[in-house]
Amino acid sequence: MSLPKTFPINPLLNLGEYTKPKRGAKTPKIKFNNSFNFMDPEWNRDAYARLQGDLDMEKTRYGWLGGPVMGVVPGEKVRPLFYMEGFSACRLVPVEGGYRKLLREVVVYRELSMKGPGKILETWDNPYTGETVRVVPIMNDPFNYNITLTYPDPPSFGGLNQEKPPKVPFILPWSVKGDMLHLTTDIHLYYPNALQPEKWPRESAGPMVQVSELYRYYINASDMKNPNLTQVPCSGCWSRVTPWLPWMLMGTRAGHTLYMVDFTGADNPGHASPELRAWLDSTPERSKFLTAPDSDYGPSLSSLENYARTEKPAPAK
């Protein structure tokens, strides 16, 4: 079906209009929905896929994130604890109705000071308990999900999360700010903890996990409109509200952690700091996180489920 010269967007959203490419424009090698129609689930699917991966499925997309992790305890001010830095590599593969994102991701924790991040931590002095604890990095391999014409189900975390919301069209809350395109995606989860307090009394914050993740994407609108960009560079911020990290050995103490970090997505791994890159290069187990998975395997687990699989309960204090 041919597009009209201009495609009006819902006027209540004040999002502008799509302009048909001029004659003689370079023909894209990989075709996708580039209508810039914010109310079209197919355009939303392809636009989001270009932020999460690369529609040229031979190519890898790399993610970086970094920022402070803070402790929130009732009755006292929020306390910066350490710096987190993460890296991911992913690619897309086709599935019915869209794409599947195949992802590996790693997070290390670093010293935090007014000067910025310091050395990568192997142990950490917990200011709440006075105990020196062993730091456990996040190494999620894989964390996969589908990008289709409807909103995806929340992560199941190996079957722990049974939430199945109704299927609704995949229409995201975009907005235009001058030359920039903004996108908000949030998820709020409450599901059984893989670290049950009976077995993990020092690691577990309780029988249920309450987590919120809040993403803010900032994209050049011209990049998203470019029919030759099979992946679109972006930056943004990510906030995570989550229980105490299990290796902090806080148990059910009142409070939680708050992440407030920056992120980027690009076609090269150059955003990783020299310290993180050296850490990744130091062993074969770590260096595989520089590459995307080459097949679809699973299950897709979060750091809590992986902790339950790889670690042992700490001795009673």
C-alpha atoms as a PDB file:
ATOM      1  CA  MET A   1       0.000   0.000   0.000  1.00  0.00           C
ATOM      2  CA  SER A   2       1.448   3.388  -0.955  1.00  0.00           C
ATOM      3  CA  LEU A   3       1.737   6.136   1.619  1.00  0.00           C
ATOM      4  CA  PRO A   4       0.267   9.588   1.105  1.00  0.00           C
ATOM      5  CA  LYS A   5       2.701  12.447   0.745  1.00  0.00           C
ATOM      6  CA  THR A   6       2.113  13.346   4.370  1.00  0.00           C
ATOM      7  CA  PHE A   7       0.797  11.089   7.113  1.00  0.00           C
ATOM      8  CA  PRO A   8      -0.844  13.092   9.914  1.00  0.00           C
ATOM      9  CA  ILE A   9      -0.170  12.035  13.502  1.00  0.00           C
ATOM     10  CA  ASN A  10      -2.750  12.131  16.279  1.00  0.00           C
ATOM     11  CA  PRO A  11      -3.084  15.913  16.824  1.00  0.00           C
ATOM     12  CA  LEU A  12      -3.507  15.431  20.569  1.00  0.00           C
ATOM     13  CA  LEU A  13       0.075  14.146  20.697  1.00  0.00           C
ATOM     14  CA  ASN A  14       1.561  17.079  18.747  1.00  0.00           C
ATOM     15  CA  LEU A  15       4.099  14.777  17.122  1.00  0.00           C
ATOM     16  CA  GLY A  16       4.440  16.261  13.676  1.00  0.00           C
ATOM     17  CA  GLU A  17       4.048  14.413  10.400  1.00  0.00           C
ATOM     18  CA  TYR A  18       5.791  11.919   8.152  1.00  0.00           C
ATOM     19  CA  THR A  19       7.178  13.236   4.859  1.00  0.00           C
ATOM     20  CA  LYS A  20       7.522  10.852   1.935  1.00  0.00           C
ATOM     21  CA  PRO A  21      11.197  10.447   0.854  1.00  0.00           C
ATOM     22  CA  LYS A  22      12.259  12.427  -2.181  1.00  0.00           C
ATOM     23  CA  ARG A  23      12.790  10.748  -5.519  1.00  0.00           C
ATOM     24  CA  GLY A  24      16.346   9.630  -6.036  1.00  0.00           C
ATOM     25  CA  ALA A  25      16.929   8.963  -2.340  1.00  0.00           C
ATOM     26  CA  LYS A  26      19.191   6.023  -1.543  1.00  0.00           C
ATOM     27  CA  THR A  27      17.223   2.785  -1.364  1.00  0.00           C
ATOM     28  CA  PRO A  28      17.678   1.080   2.024  1.00  0.00           C
ATOM     29  CA  LYS A  29      19.346  -2.341   1.944  1.00  0.00           C
ATOM     30  CA  ILE A  30      17.041  -3.624   4.680  1.00  0.00           C
ATOM     31  CA  LYS A  31      13.434  -2.545   4.541  1.00  0.00           C
ATOM     32  CA  PHE A  32      11.367  -1.797   7.634  1.00  0.00           C
ATOM     33  CA  ASN A  33       8.422   0.373   8.600  1.00  0.00           C
ATOM     34  CA  ASN A  34       9.762   3.916   8.554  1.00  0.00           C
ATOM     35  CA  SER A  35       6.431   5.745   8.427  1.00  0.00           C
ATOM     36  CA  PHE A  36       7.129   7.665  11.659  1.00  0.00           C
ATOM     37  CA  ASN A  37       3.489   7.008  12.554  1.00  0.00           C
ATOM     38  CA  PHE A  38       3.430   6.945  16.343  1.00  0.00           C
ATOM     39  CA  MET A  39       0.046   5.211  16.419  1.00  0.00           C
ATOM     40  CA  ASP A  40       1.117   2.293  14.198  1.00  0.00           C
ATOM     41  CA  PRO A  41       2.151  -0.851  16.156  1.00  0.00           C
ATOM     42  CA  GLU A  42       4.335  -1.983  13.252  1.00  0.00           C
ATOM     43  CA  TRP A  43       6.276   1.285  13.232  1.00  0.00           C
ATOM     44  CA  ASN A  44       6.602   1.103  17.033  1.00  0.00           C
ATOM     45  CA  ARG A  45       7.892  -2.454  16.794  1.00  0.00           C
ATOM     46  CA  ASP A  46      10.534  -1.579  14.204  1.00  0.00           C
ATOM     47  CA  ALA A  47      11.531   1.682  15.885  1.00  0.00           C
ATOM     48  CA  TYR A  48      11.950  -0.035  19.264  1.00  0.00           C
ATOM     49  CA  ALA A  49      13.852  -2.905  17.658  1.00  0.00           C
ATOM     50  CA  ARG A  50      16.275  -0.372  16.150  1.00  0.00           C
ATOM     51  CA  LEU A  51      16.903   0.952  19.682  1.00  0.00           C
ATOM     52  CA  GLN A  52      17.326  -2.508  21.185  1.00  0.00           C
ATOM     53  CA  GLY A  53      19.271  -4.206  18.396  1.00  0.00           C
ATOM     54  CA  ASP A  54      20.078  -4.018  14.687  1.00  0.00           C
ATOM     55  CA  LEU A  55      17.648  -4.989  11.940  1.00  0.00           C
ATOM     56  CA  ASP A  56      20.727  -6.099  10.019  1.00  0.00           C
ATOM     57  CA  MET A  57      20.827  -9.355  11.926  1.00  0.00           C
ATOM     58  CA  GLU A  58      24.460  -9.998  11.109  1.00  0.00           C
ATOM     59  CA  LYS A  59      25.409  -7.016  13.265  1.00  0.00           C
ATOM     60  CA  THR A  60      25.714  -6.507  17.022  1.00  0.00           C
ATOM     61  CA  ARG A  61      24.386  -3.690  19.158  1.00  0.00           C
ATOM     62  CA  TYR A  62      26.303  -2.723  22.288  1.00  0.00           C
ATOM     63  CA  GLY A  63      24.964  -1.144  25.438  1.00  0.00           C
ATOM     64  CA  TRP A  64      26.724   0.675  28.252  1.00  0.00           C
ATOM     65  CA  LEU A  65      25.413   2.034  31.531  1.00  0.00           C
ATOM     66  CA  GLY A  66      26.970   3.586  34.583  1.00  0.00           C
ATOM     67  CA  GLY A  67      26.049   5.562  37.679  1.00  0.00           C
ATOM     68  CA  PRO A  68      25.646   5.487  41.459  1.00  0.00           C
ATOM     69  CA  VAL A  69      23.787   2.909  43.529  1.00  0.00           C
ATOM     70  CA  MET A  70      22.292   4.408  46.669  1.00  0.00           C
ATOM     71  CA  GLY A  71      20.881   3.022  49.893  1.00  0.00           C
ATOM     72  CA  VAL A  72      17.444   4.154  51.062  1.00  0.00           C
ATOM     73  CA  VAL A  73      16.676   3.548  54.755  1.00  0.00           C
ATOM     74  CA  PRO A  74      13.649   4.989  56.594  1.00  0.00           C
ATOM     75  CA  GLY A  75      14.533   7.846  58.919  1.00  0.00           C
ATOM     76  CA  GLU A  76      17.807   8.890  57.293  1.00  0.00           C
ATOM     77  CA  LYS A  77      19.029  10.599  54.155  1.00  0.00           C
ATOM     78  CA  VAL A  78      19.762   8.602  51.022  1.00  0.00           C
ATOM     79  CA  ARG A  79      23.339   7.330  51.044  1.00  0.00           C
ATOM     80  CA  PRO A  80      25.542   6.778  47.935  1.00  0.00           C
ATOM     81  CA  LEU A  81      27.101   3.315  48.248  1.00  0.00           C
ATOM     82  CA  PHE A  82      29.077   2.474  45.114  1.00  0.00           C
ATOM     83  CA  TYR A  83      29.183   2.958  41.366  1.00  0.00           C
ATOM     84  CA  MET A  84      27.879   0.377  38.919  1.00  0.00           C
ATOM     85  CA  GLU A  85      29.079  -0.050  35.344  1.00  0.00           C
ATOM     86  CA  GLY A  86      27.474  -2.409  32.875  1.00  0.00           C
ATOM     87  CA  PHE A  87      27.972  -3.643  29.343  1.00  0.00           C
ATOM     88  CA  SER A  88      25.829  -5.687  26.981  1.00  0.00           C
ATOM     89  CA  ALA A  89      25.991  -7.208  23.512  1.00  0.00           C
ATOM     90  CA  CYS A  90      22.911  -8.287  21.607  1.00  0.00           C
ATOM     91  CA  ARG A  91      21.543  -9.132  18.208  1.00  0.00           C
ATOM     92  CA  LEU A  92      18.113  -9.722  16.727  1.00  0.00           C
ATOM     93  CA  VAL A  93      16.702 -12.846  15.107  1.00  0.00           C
ATOM     94  CA  PRO A  94      13.348 -13.167  13.361  1.00  0.00           C
ATOM     95  CA  VAL A  95      10.301 -14.638  15.107  1.00  0.00           C
ATOM     96  CA  GLU A  96       6.659 -14.753  14.127  1.00  0.00           C
ATOM     97  CA  GLY A  97       5.323 -11.202  14.167  1.00  0.00           C
ATOM     98  CA  GLY A  98       8.653  -9.504  14.801  1.00  0.00           C
ATOM     99  CA  TYR A  99      12.054 -10.018  16.363  1.00  0.00           C
ATOM    100  CA  ARG A 100      13.694 -11.740  19.301  1.00  0.00           C
ATOM    101  CA  LYS A 101      16.460  -9.934  21.144  1.00  0.00           C
ATOM    102  CA  LEU A 102      19.353 -12.197  22.194  1.00  0.00           C
ATOM    103  CA  LEU A 103      21.344 -10.507  24.938  1.00  0.00           C
ATOM    104  CA  ARG A 104      24.290 -11.012  27.260  1.00  0.00           C
ATOM    105  CA  GLU A 105      24.888  -8.429  29.997  1.00  0.00           C
ATOM    106  CA  VAL A 106      27.400  -7.893  32.764  1.00  0.00           C
ATOM    107  CA  VAL A 107      27.593  -5.405  35.656  1.00  0.00           C
ATOM    108  CA  VAL A 108      30.529  -4.670  37.955  1.00  0.00           C
ATOM    109  CA  TYR A 109      30.584  -2.484  41.037  1.00  0.00           C
ATOM    110  CA  ARG A 110      33.231   0.188  41.575  1.00  0.00           C
ATOM    111  CA  GLU A 111      34.357   2.549  44.297  1.00  0.00           C
ATOM    112  CA  LEU A 112      32.422   5.812  44.337  1.00  0.00           C
ATOM    113  CA  SER A 113      33.875   9.213  45.221  1.00  0.00           C
ATOM    114  CA  MET A 114      33.386  12.873  44.362  1.00  0.00           C
ATOM    115  CA  LYS A 115      35.949  12.338  41.588  1.00  0.00           C
ATOM    116  CA  GLY A 116      33.867   9.591  40.005  1.00  0.00           C
ATOM    117  CA  PRO A 117      34.215   5.818  39.773  1.00  0.00           C
ATOM    118  CA  GLY A 118      37.302   4.115  41.174  1.00  0.00           C
ATOM    119  CA  LYS A 119      38.600   0.573  41.141  1.00  0.00           C
ATOM    120  CA  ILE A 120      36.362  -2.425  40.495  1.00  0.00           C
ATOM    121  CA  LEU A 121      35.389  -3.866  43.858  1.00  0.00           C
ATOM    122  CA  GLU A 122      36.058  -7.431  44.937  1.00  0.00           C
ATOM    123  CA  THR A 123      35.046  -6.701  48.533  1.00  0.00           C
ATOM    124  CA  TRP A 124      33.021  -3.867  50.041  1.00  0.00           C
ATOM    125  CA  ASP A 125      32.774  -2.419  53.555  1.00  0.00           C
ATOM    126  CA  ASN A 126      29.048  -2.275  54.320  1.00  0.00           C
ATOM    127  CA  PRO A 127      28.426   0.997  56.209  1.00  0.00           C
ATOM    128  CA  TYR A 128      25.107  -0.277  57.579  1.00  0.00           C
ATOM    129  CA  THR A 129      26.479  -3.431  59.194  1.00  0.00           C
ATOM    130  CA  GLY A 130      30.218  -2.784  59.545  1.00  0.00           C
ATOM    131  CA  GLU A 131      30.905  -6.067  57.744  1.00  0.00           C
ATOM    132  CA  THR A 132      33.261  -6.568  54.811  1.00  0.00           C
ATOM    133  CA  VAL A 133      31.414  -8.568  52.159  1.00  0.00           C
ATOM    134  CA  ARG A 134      32.388 -10.235  48.887  1.00  0.00           C
ATOM    135  CA  VAL A 135      31.068  -8.393  45.822  1.00  0.00           C
ATOM    136  CA  VAL A 136      29.292 -10.557  43.232  1.00  0.00           C
ATOM    137  CA  PRO A 137      29.086  -9.060  39.713  1.00  0.00           C
ATOM    138  CA  ILE A 138      26.005  -9.550  37.527  1.00  0.00           C
ATOM    139  CA  MET A 139      26.579 -11.932  34.607  1.00  0.00           C
ATOM    140  CA  ASN A 140      23.278 -12.612  32.860  1.00  0.00           C
ATOM    141  CA  ASP A 141      23.637 -14.992  29.926  1.00  0.00           C
ATOM    142  CA  PRO A 142      21.157 -14.770  28.329  1.00  0.00           C
ATOM    143  CA  PHE A 143      18.341 -12.307  28.865  1.00  0.00           C
ATOM    144  CA  ASN A 144      16.143 -12.646  25.772  1.00  0.00           C
ATOM    145  CA  TYR A 145      12.703 -11.350  24.864  1.00  0.00           C
ATOM    146  CA  ASN A 146      10.423 -10.726  21.880  1.00  0.00           C
ATOM    147  CA  ILE A 147       9.594  -7.434  20.171  1.00  0.00           C
ATOM    148  CA  THR A 148       6.342  -7.871  18.260  1.00  0.00           C
ATOM    149  CA  LEU A 149       3.093  -6.051  17.468  1.00  0.00           C
ATOM    150  CA  THR A 150       1.815  -6.415  21.059  1.00  0.00           C
ATOM    151  CA  TYR A 151       3.385  -5.580  24.397  1.00  0.00           C
ATOM    152  CA  PRO A 152       5.531  -8.474  25.615  1.00  0.00           C
ATOM    153  CA  ASP A 153       4.689 -10.442  28.734  1.00  0.00           C
ATOM    154  CA  PRO A 154       6.742  -9.449  31.789  1.00  0.00           C
ATOM    155  CA  PRO A 155       9.858 -11.576  32.340  1.00  0.00           C
ATOM    156  CA  SER A 156       9.041 -14.970  33.847  1.00  0.00           C
ATOM    157  CA  PHE A 157      12.431 -15.377  35.573  1.00  0.00           C
ATOM    158  CA  GLY A 158      12.444 -19.124  35.082  1.00  0.00           C
ATOM    159  CA  GLY A 159       8.749 -19.472  35.931  1.00  0.00           C
ATOM    160  CA  LEU A 160       8.735 -17.480  39.182  1.00  0.00           C
ATOM    161  CA  ASN A 161       6.718 -14.606  37.707  1.00  0.00           C
ATOM    162  CA  GLN A 162       3.341 -15.880  36.512  1.00  0.00           C
ATOM    163  CA  GLU A 163       1.870 -12.487  35.562  1.00  0.00           C
ATOM    164  CA  LYS A 164       0.131 -12.594  32.165  1.00  0.00           C
ATOM    165  CA  PRO A 165      -1.454  -9.231  31.326  1.00  0.00           C
ATOM    166  CA  PRO A 166      -3.864  -8.962  28.387  1.00  0.00           C
ATOM    167  CA  LYS A 167      -2.337  -8.443  24.960  1.00  0.00           C
ATOM    168  CA  VAL A 168      -2.537  -4.842  23.771  1.00  0.00           C
ATOM    169  CA  PRO A 169      -1.097  -3.182  20.639  1.00  0.00           C
ATOM    170  CA  PHE A 170       2.529  -2.135  20.907  1.00  0.00           C
ATOM    171  CA  ILE A 171       2.131   1.654  20.915  1.00  0.00           C
ATOM    172  CA  LEU A 172       4.786   3.415  22.971  1.00  0.00           C
ATOM    173  CA  PRO A 173       4.623   6.847  24.676  1.00  0.00           C
ATOM    174  CA  TRP A 174       6.854   8.895  22.359  1.00  0.00           C
ATOM    175  CA  SER A 175       7.181  12.661  22.454  1.00  0.00           C
ATOM    176  CA  VAL A 176       9.059  15.198  20.346  1.00  0.00           C
ATOM    177  CA  LYS A 177      11.162  17.910  21.981  1.00  0.00           C
ATOM    178  CA  GLY A 178      12.620  20.109  19.239  1.00  0.00           C
ATOM    179  CA  ASP A 179      15.006  17.938  17.240  1.00  0.00           C
ATOM    180  CA  MET A 180      14.898  15.175  19.846  1.00  0.00           C
ATOM    181  CA  LEU A 181      12.638  12.184  20.251  1.00  0.00           C
ATOM    182  CA  HIS A 182      11.929  11.042  23.818  1.00  0.00           C
ATOM    183  CA  LEU A 183      10.642   7.646  24.913  1.00  0.00           C
ATOM    184  CA  THR A 184       9.564   6.415  28.343  1.00  0.00           C
ATOM    185  CA  THR A 185       9.343   2.710  29.188  1.00  0.00           C
ATOM    186  CA  ASP A 186       8.666   1.576  32.758  1.00  0.00           C
ATOM    187  CA  ILE A 187       8.025  -1.819  34.304  1.00  0.00           C
ATOM    188  CA  HIS A 188       6.868  -2.640  37.844  1.00  0.00           C
ATOM    189  CA  LEU A 189       7.244  -6.193  39.130  1.00  0.00           C
ATOM    190  CA  TYR A 190       6.225  -8.142  42.228  1.00  0.00           C
ATOM    191  CA  TYR A 191       6.964 -11.861  42.188  1.00  0.00           C
ATOM    192  CA  PRO A 192       8.325 -14.714  44.376  1.00  0.00           C
ATOM    193  CA  ASN A 193      11.945 -14.382  45.381  1.00  0.00           C
ATOM    194  CA  ALA A 194      14.412 -17.026  44.169  1.00  0.00           C
ATOM    195  CA  LEU A 195      16.243 -16.327  47.437  1.00  0.00           C
ATOM    196  CA  GLN A 196      13.675 -17.433  50.018  1.00  0.00           C
ATOM    197  CA  PRO A 197      14.552 -16.258  53.549  1.00  0.00           C
ATOM    198  CA  GLU A 198      14.341 -19.762  55.033  1.00  0.00           C
ATOM    199  CA  LYS A 199      17.339 -20.873  52.919  1.00  0.00           C
ATOM    200  CA  TRP A 200      18.980 -17.468  52.407  1.00  0.00           C
ATOM    201  CA  PRO A 201      18.402 -15.582  55.704  1.00  0.00           C
ATOM    202  CA  ARG A 202      21.261 -13.124  55.168  1.00  0.00           C
ATOM    203  CA  GLU A 203      20.805 -12.587  51.413  1.00  0.00           C
ATOM    204  CA  SER A 204      17.021 -12.458  51.129  1.00  0.00           C
ATOM    205  CA  ALA A 205      14.997  -9.265  51.530  1.00  0.00           C
ATOM    206  CA  GLY A 206      11.832 -11.358  51.915  1.00  0.00           C
ATOM    207  CA  PRO A 207       9.634 -13.914  50.178  1.00  0.00           C
ATOM    208  CA  MET A 208       8.602 -11.505  47.406  1.00  0.00           C
ATOM    209  CA  VAL A 209      10.650  -9.235  45.132  1.00  0.00           C
ATOM    210  CA  GLN A 210       9.399  -5.699  44.461  1.00  0.00           C
ATOM    211  CA  VAL A 211      11.282  -4.090  41.573  1.00  0.00           C
ATOM    212  CA  SER A 212      10.669  -1.084  39.329  1.00  0.00           C
ATOM    213  CA  GLU A 213      12.763  -0.172  36.299  1.00  0.00           C
ATOM    214  CA  LEU A 214      12.287   3.210  34.635  1.00  0.00           C
ATOM    215  CA  TYR A 215      13.918   4.037  31.296  1.00  0.00           C
ATOM    216  CA  ARG A 216      14.163   7.405  29.543  1.00  0.00           C
ATOM    217  CA  TYR A 217      15.497   7.319  25.963  1.00  0.00           C
ATOM    218  CA  TYR A 218      16.806  10.386  24.103  1.00  0.00           C
ATOM    219  CA  ILE A 219      17.131   9.997  20.333  1.00  0.00           C
ATOM    220  CA  ASN A 220      17.841  12.328  17.437  1.00  0.00           C
ATOM    221  CA  ALA A 221      14.588  12.389  15.479  1.00  0.00           C
ATOM    222  CA  SER A 222      16.556  12.569  12.220  1.00  0.00           C
ATOM    223  CA  ASP A 223      18.262   9.270  13.074  1.00  0.00           C
ATOM    224  CA  MET A 224      14.948   7.550  13.699  1.00  0.00           C
ATOM    225  CA  LYS A 225      13.603   8.889  10.380  1.00  0.00           C
ATOM    226  CA  ASN A 226      16.703   7.744   8.466  1.00  0.00           C
ATOM    227  CA  PRO A 227      15.712   4.706   6.347  1.00  0.00           C
ATOM    228  CA  ASN A 228      19.350   3.620   6.088  1.00  0.00           C
ATOM    229  CA  LEU A 229      19.907   3.234   9.841  1.00  0.00           C
ATOM    230  CA  THR A 230      19.083  -0.326  10.846  1.00  0.00           C
ATOM    231  CA  GLN A 231      20.002   0.547  14.414  1.00  0.00           C
ATOM    232  CA  VAL A 232      19.560   3.967  15.984  1.00  0.00           C
ATOM    233  CA  PRO A 233      22.053   5.396  18.490  1.00  0.00           C
ATOM    234  CA  CYS A 234      20.555   6.677  21.715  1.00  0.00           C
ATOM    235  CA  SER A 235      21.340   7.772  25.228  1.00  0.00           C
ATOM    236  CA  GLY A 236      19.224   8.048  28.315  1.00  0.00           C
ATOM    237  CA  CYS A 237      18.856   7.308  31.984  1.00  0.00           C
ATOM    238  CA  TRP A 238      17.751   4.230  33.880  1.00  0.00           C
ATOM    239  CA  SER A 239      16.444   4.173  37.415  1.00  0.00           C
ATOM    240  CA  ARG A 240      15.925   0.945  39.335  1.00  0.00           C
ATOM    241  CA  VAL A 241      14.221   0.507  42.688  1.00  0.00           C
ATOM    242  CA  THR A 242      15.105  -2.915  44.045  1.00  0.00           C
ATOM    243  CA  PRO A 243      15.729  -4.772  47.315  1.00  0.00           C
ATOM    244  CA  TRP A 244      19.151  -4.830  48.916  1.00  0.00           C
ATOM    245  CA  LEU A 245      21.612  -6.692  46.707  1.00  0.00           C
ATOM    246  CA  PRO A 246      22.010 -10.216  48.108  1.00  0.00           C
ATOM    247  CA  TRP A 247      25.781  -9.987  48.545  1.00  0.00           C
ATOM    248  CA  MET A 248      25.312  -6.939  50.796  1.00  0.00           C
ATOM    249  CA  LEU A 249      23.997  -9.416  53.422  1.00  0.00           C
ATOM    250  CA  MET A 250      21.300  -7.050  54.669  1.00  0.00           C
ATOM    251  CA  GLY A 251      18.592  -9.670  55.109  1.00  0.00           C
ATOM    252  CA  THR A 252      15.150  -8.206  55.767  1.00  0.00           C
ATOM    253  CA  ARG A 253      16.469  -4.910  57.131  1.00  0.00           C
ATOM    254  CA  ALA A 254      14.125  -2.033  56.218  1.00  0.00           C
ATOM    255  CA  GLY A 255      15.121  -0.153  53.086  1.00  0.00           C
ATOM    256  CA  HIS A 256      16.197  -0.790  49.502  1.00  0.00           C
ATOM    257  CA  THR A 257      18.663   0.259  46.828  1.00  0.00           C
ATOM    258  CA  LEU A 258      18.120   2.942  44.206  1.00  0.00           C
ATOM    259  CA  TYR A 259      20.047   3.006  40.932  1.00  0.00           C
ATOM    260  CA  MET A 260      20.315   6.238  38.937  1.00  0.00           C
ATOM    261  CA  VAL A 261      22.494   5.674  35.912  1.00  0.00           C
ATOM    262  CA  ASP A 262      23.147   6.872  32.379  1.00  0.00           C
ATOM    263  CA  PHE A 263      23.097   4.539  29.388  1.00  0.00           C
ATOM    264  CA  THR A 264      24.007   4.509  25.717  1.00  0.00           C
ATOM    265  CA  GLY A 265      23.275   2.191  22.807  1.00  0.00           C
ATOM    266  CA  ALA A 266      25.584   2.082  19.787  1.00  0.00           C
ATOM    267  CA  ASP A 267      27.063  -0.052  17.014  1.00  0.00           C
ATOM    268  CA  ASN A 268      30.464  -0.311  18.714  1.00  0.00           C
ATOM    269  CA  PRO A 269      31.731  -1.275  22.194  1.00  0.00           C
ATOM    270  CA  GLY A 270      33.760   1.883  22.695  1.00  0.00           C
ATOM    271  CA  HIS A 271      31.715   3.295  25.583  1.00  0.00           C
ATOM    272  CA  ALA A 272      33.048   0.761  28.094  1.00  0.00           C
ATOM    273  CA  SER A 273      35.637   2.281  30.423  1.00  0.00           C
ATOM    274  CA  PRO A 274      39.243   1.043  30.219  1.00  0.00           C
ATOM    275  CA  GLU A 275      38.782  -0.547  33.658  1.00  0.00           C
ATOM    276  CA  LEU A 276      35.694  -2.472  32.592  1.00  0.00           C
ATOM    277  CA  ARG A 277      37.251  -3.471  29.266  1.00  0.00           C
ATOM    278  CA  ALA A 278      40.332  -4.833  31.075  1.00  0.00           C
ATOM    279  CA  TRP A 279      38.065  -6.756  33.437  1.00  0.00           C
ATOM    280  CA  LEU A 280      36.141  -8.228  30.508  1.00  0.00           C
ATOM    281  CA  ASP A 281      39.354  -9.217  28.721  1.00  0.00           C
ATOM    282  CA  SER A 282      40.841 -10.882  31.816  1.00  0.00           C
ATOM    283  CA  THR A 283      39.197 -14.352  31.484  1.00  0.00           C
ATOM    284  CA  PRO A 284      37.362 -16.338  28.795  1.00  0.00           C
ATOM    285  CA  GLU A 285      34.253 -16.457  31.018  1.00  0.00           C
ATOM    286  CA  ARG A 286      34.165 -12.651  31.104  1.00  0.00           C
ATOM    287  CA  SER A 287      35.272 -11.953  27.538  1.00  0.00           C
ATOM    288  CA  LYS A 288      32.276 -13.787  26.061  1.00  0.00           C
ATOM    289  CA  PHE A 289      30.150 -10.837  27.237  1.00  0.00           C
ATOM    290  CA  LEU A 290      31.809  -8.763  24.504  1.00  0.00           C
ATOM    291  CA  THR A 291      29.836 -10.788  21.942  1.00  0.00           C
ATOM    292  CA  ALA A 292      26.137 -11.422  21.447  1.00  0.00           C
ATOM    293  CA  PRO A 293      24.656 -14.919  21.769  1.00  0.00           C
ATOM    294  CA  ASP A 294      24.825 -16.882  18.521  1.00  0.00           C
ATOM    295  CA  SER A 295      21.659 -18.877  19.242  1.00  0.00           C
ATOM    296  CA  ASP A 296      18.450 -18.660  21.267  1.00  0.00           C
ATOM    297  CA  TYR A 297      18.891 -20.539  24.535  1.00  0.00           C
ATOM    298  CA  GLY A 298      17.689 -20.039  28.070  1.00  0.00           C
ATOM    299  CA  PRO A 299      16.163 -19.649  30.509  1.00  0.00           C
ATOM    300  CA  SER A 300      16.372 -15.861  30.755  1.00  0.00           C
ATOM    301  CA  LEU A 301      17.082 -15.045  34.389  1.00  0.00           C
ATOM    302  CA  SER A 302      17.763 -11.911  36.394  1.00  0.00           C
ATOM    303  CA  SER A 303      20.690 -11.464  38.757  1.00  0.00           C
ATOM    304  CA  LEU A 304      18.642 -12.834  41.695  1.00  0.00           C
ATOM    305  CA  GLU A 305      17.865 -16.157  40.022  1.00  0.00           C
ATOM    306  CA  ASN A 306      21.451 -16.464  38.799  1.00  0.00           C
ATOM    307  CA  TYR A 307      22.718 -15.706  42.309  1.00  0.00           C
ATOM    308  CA  ALA A 308      20.587 -18.561  43.658  1.00  0.00           C
ATOM    309  CA  ARG A 309      22.155 -20.869  41.056  1.00  0.00           C
ATOM    310  CA  THR A 310      25.807 -19.886  41.444  1.00  0.00           C
ATOM    311  CA  GLU A 311      26.210 -18.882  45.094  1.00  0.00           C
ATOM    312  CA  LYS A 312      25.776 -20.534  48.497  1.00  0.00           C
ATOM    313  CA  PRO A 313      24.058 -19.070  51.580  1.00  0.00           C
ATOM    314  CA  ALA A 314      26.418 -17.068  53.753  1.00  0.00           C
ATOM    315  CA  PRO A 315      27.253 -18.523  57.178  1.00  0.00           C
ATOM    316  CA  ALA A 316      25.207 -17.195  60.083  1.00  0.00           C
ATOM    317  CA  LYS A 317      26.765 -14.166  61.686  1.00  0.00           C
END
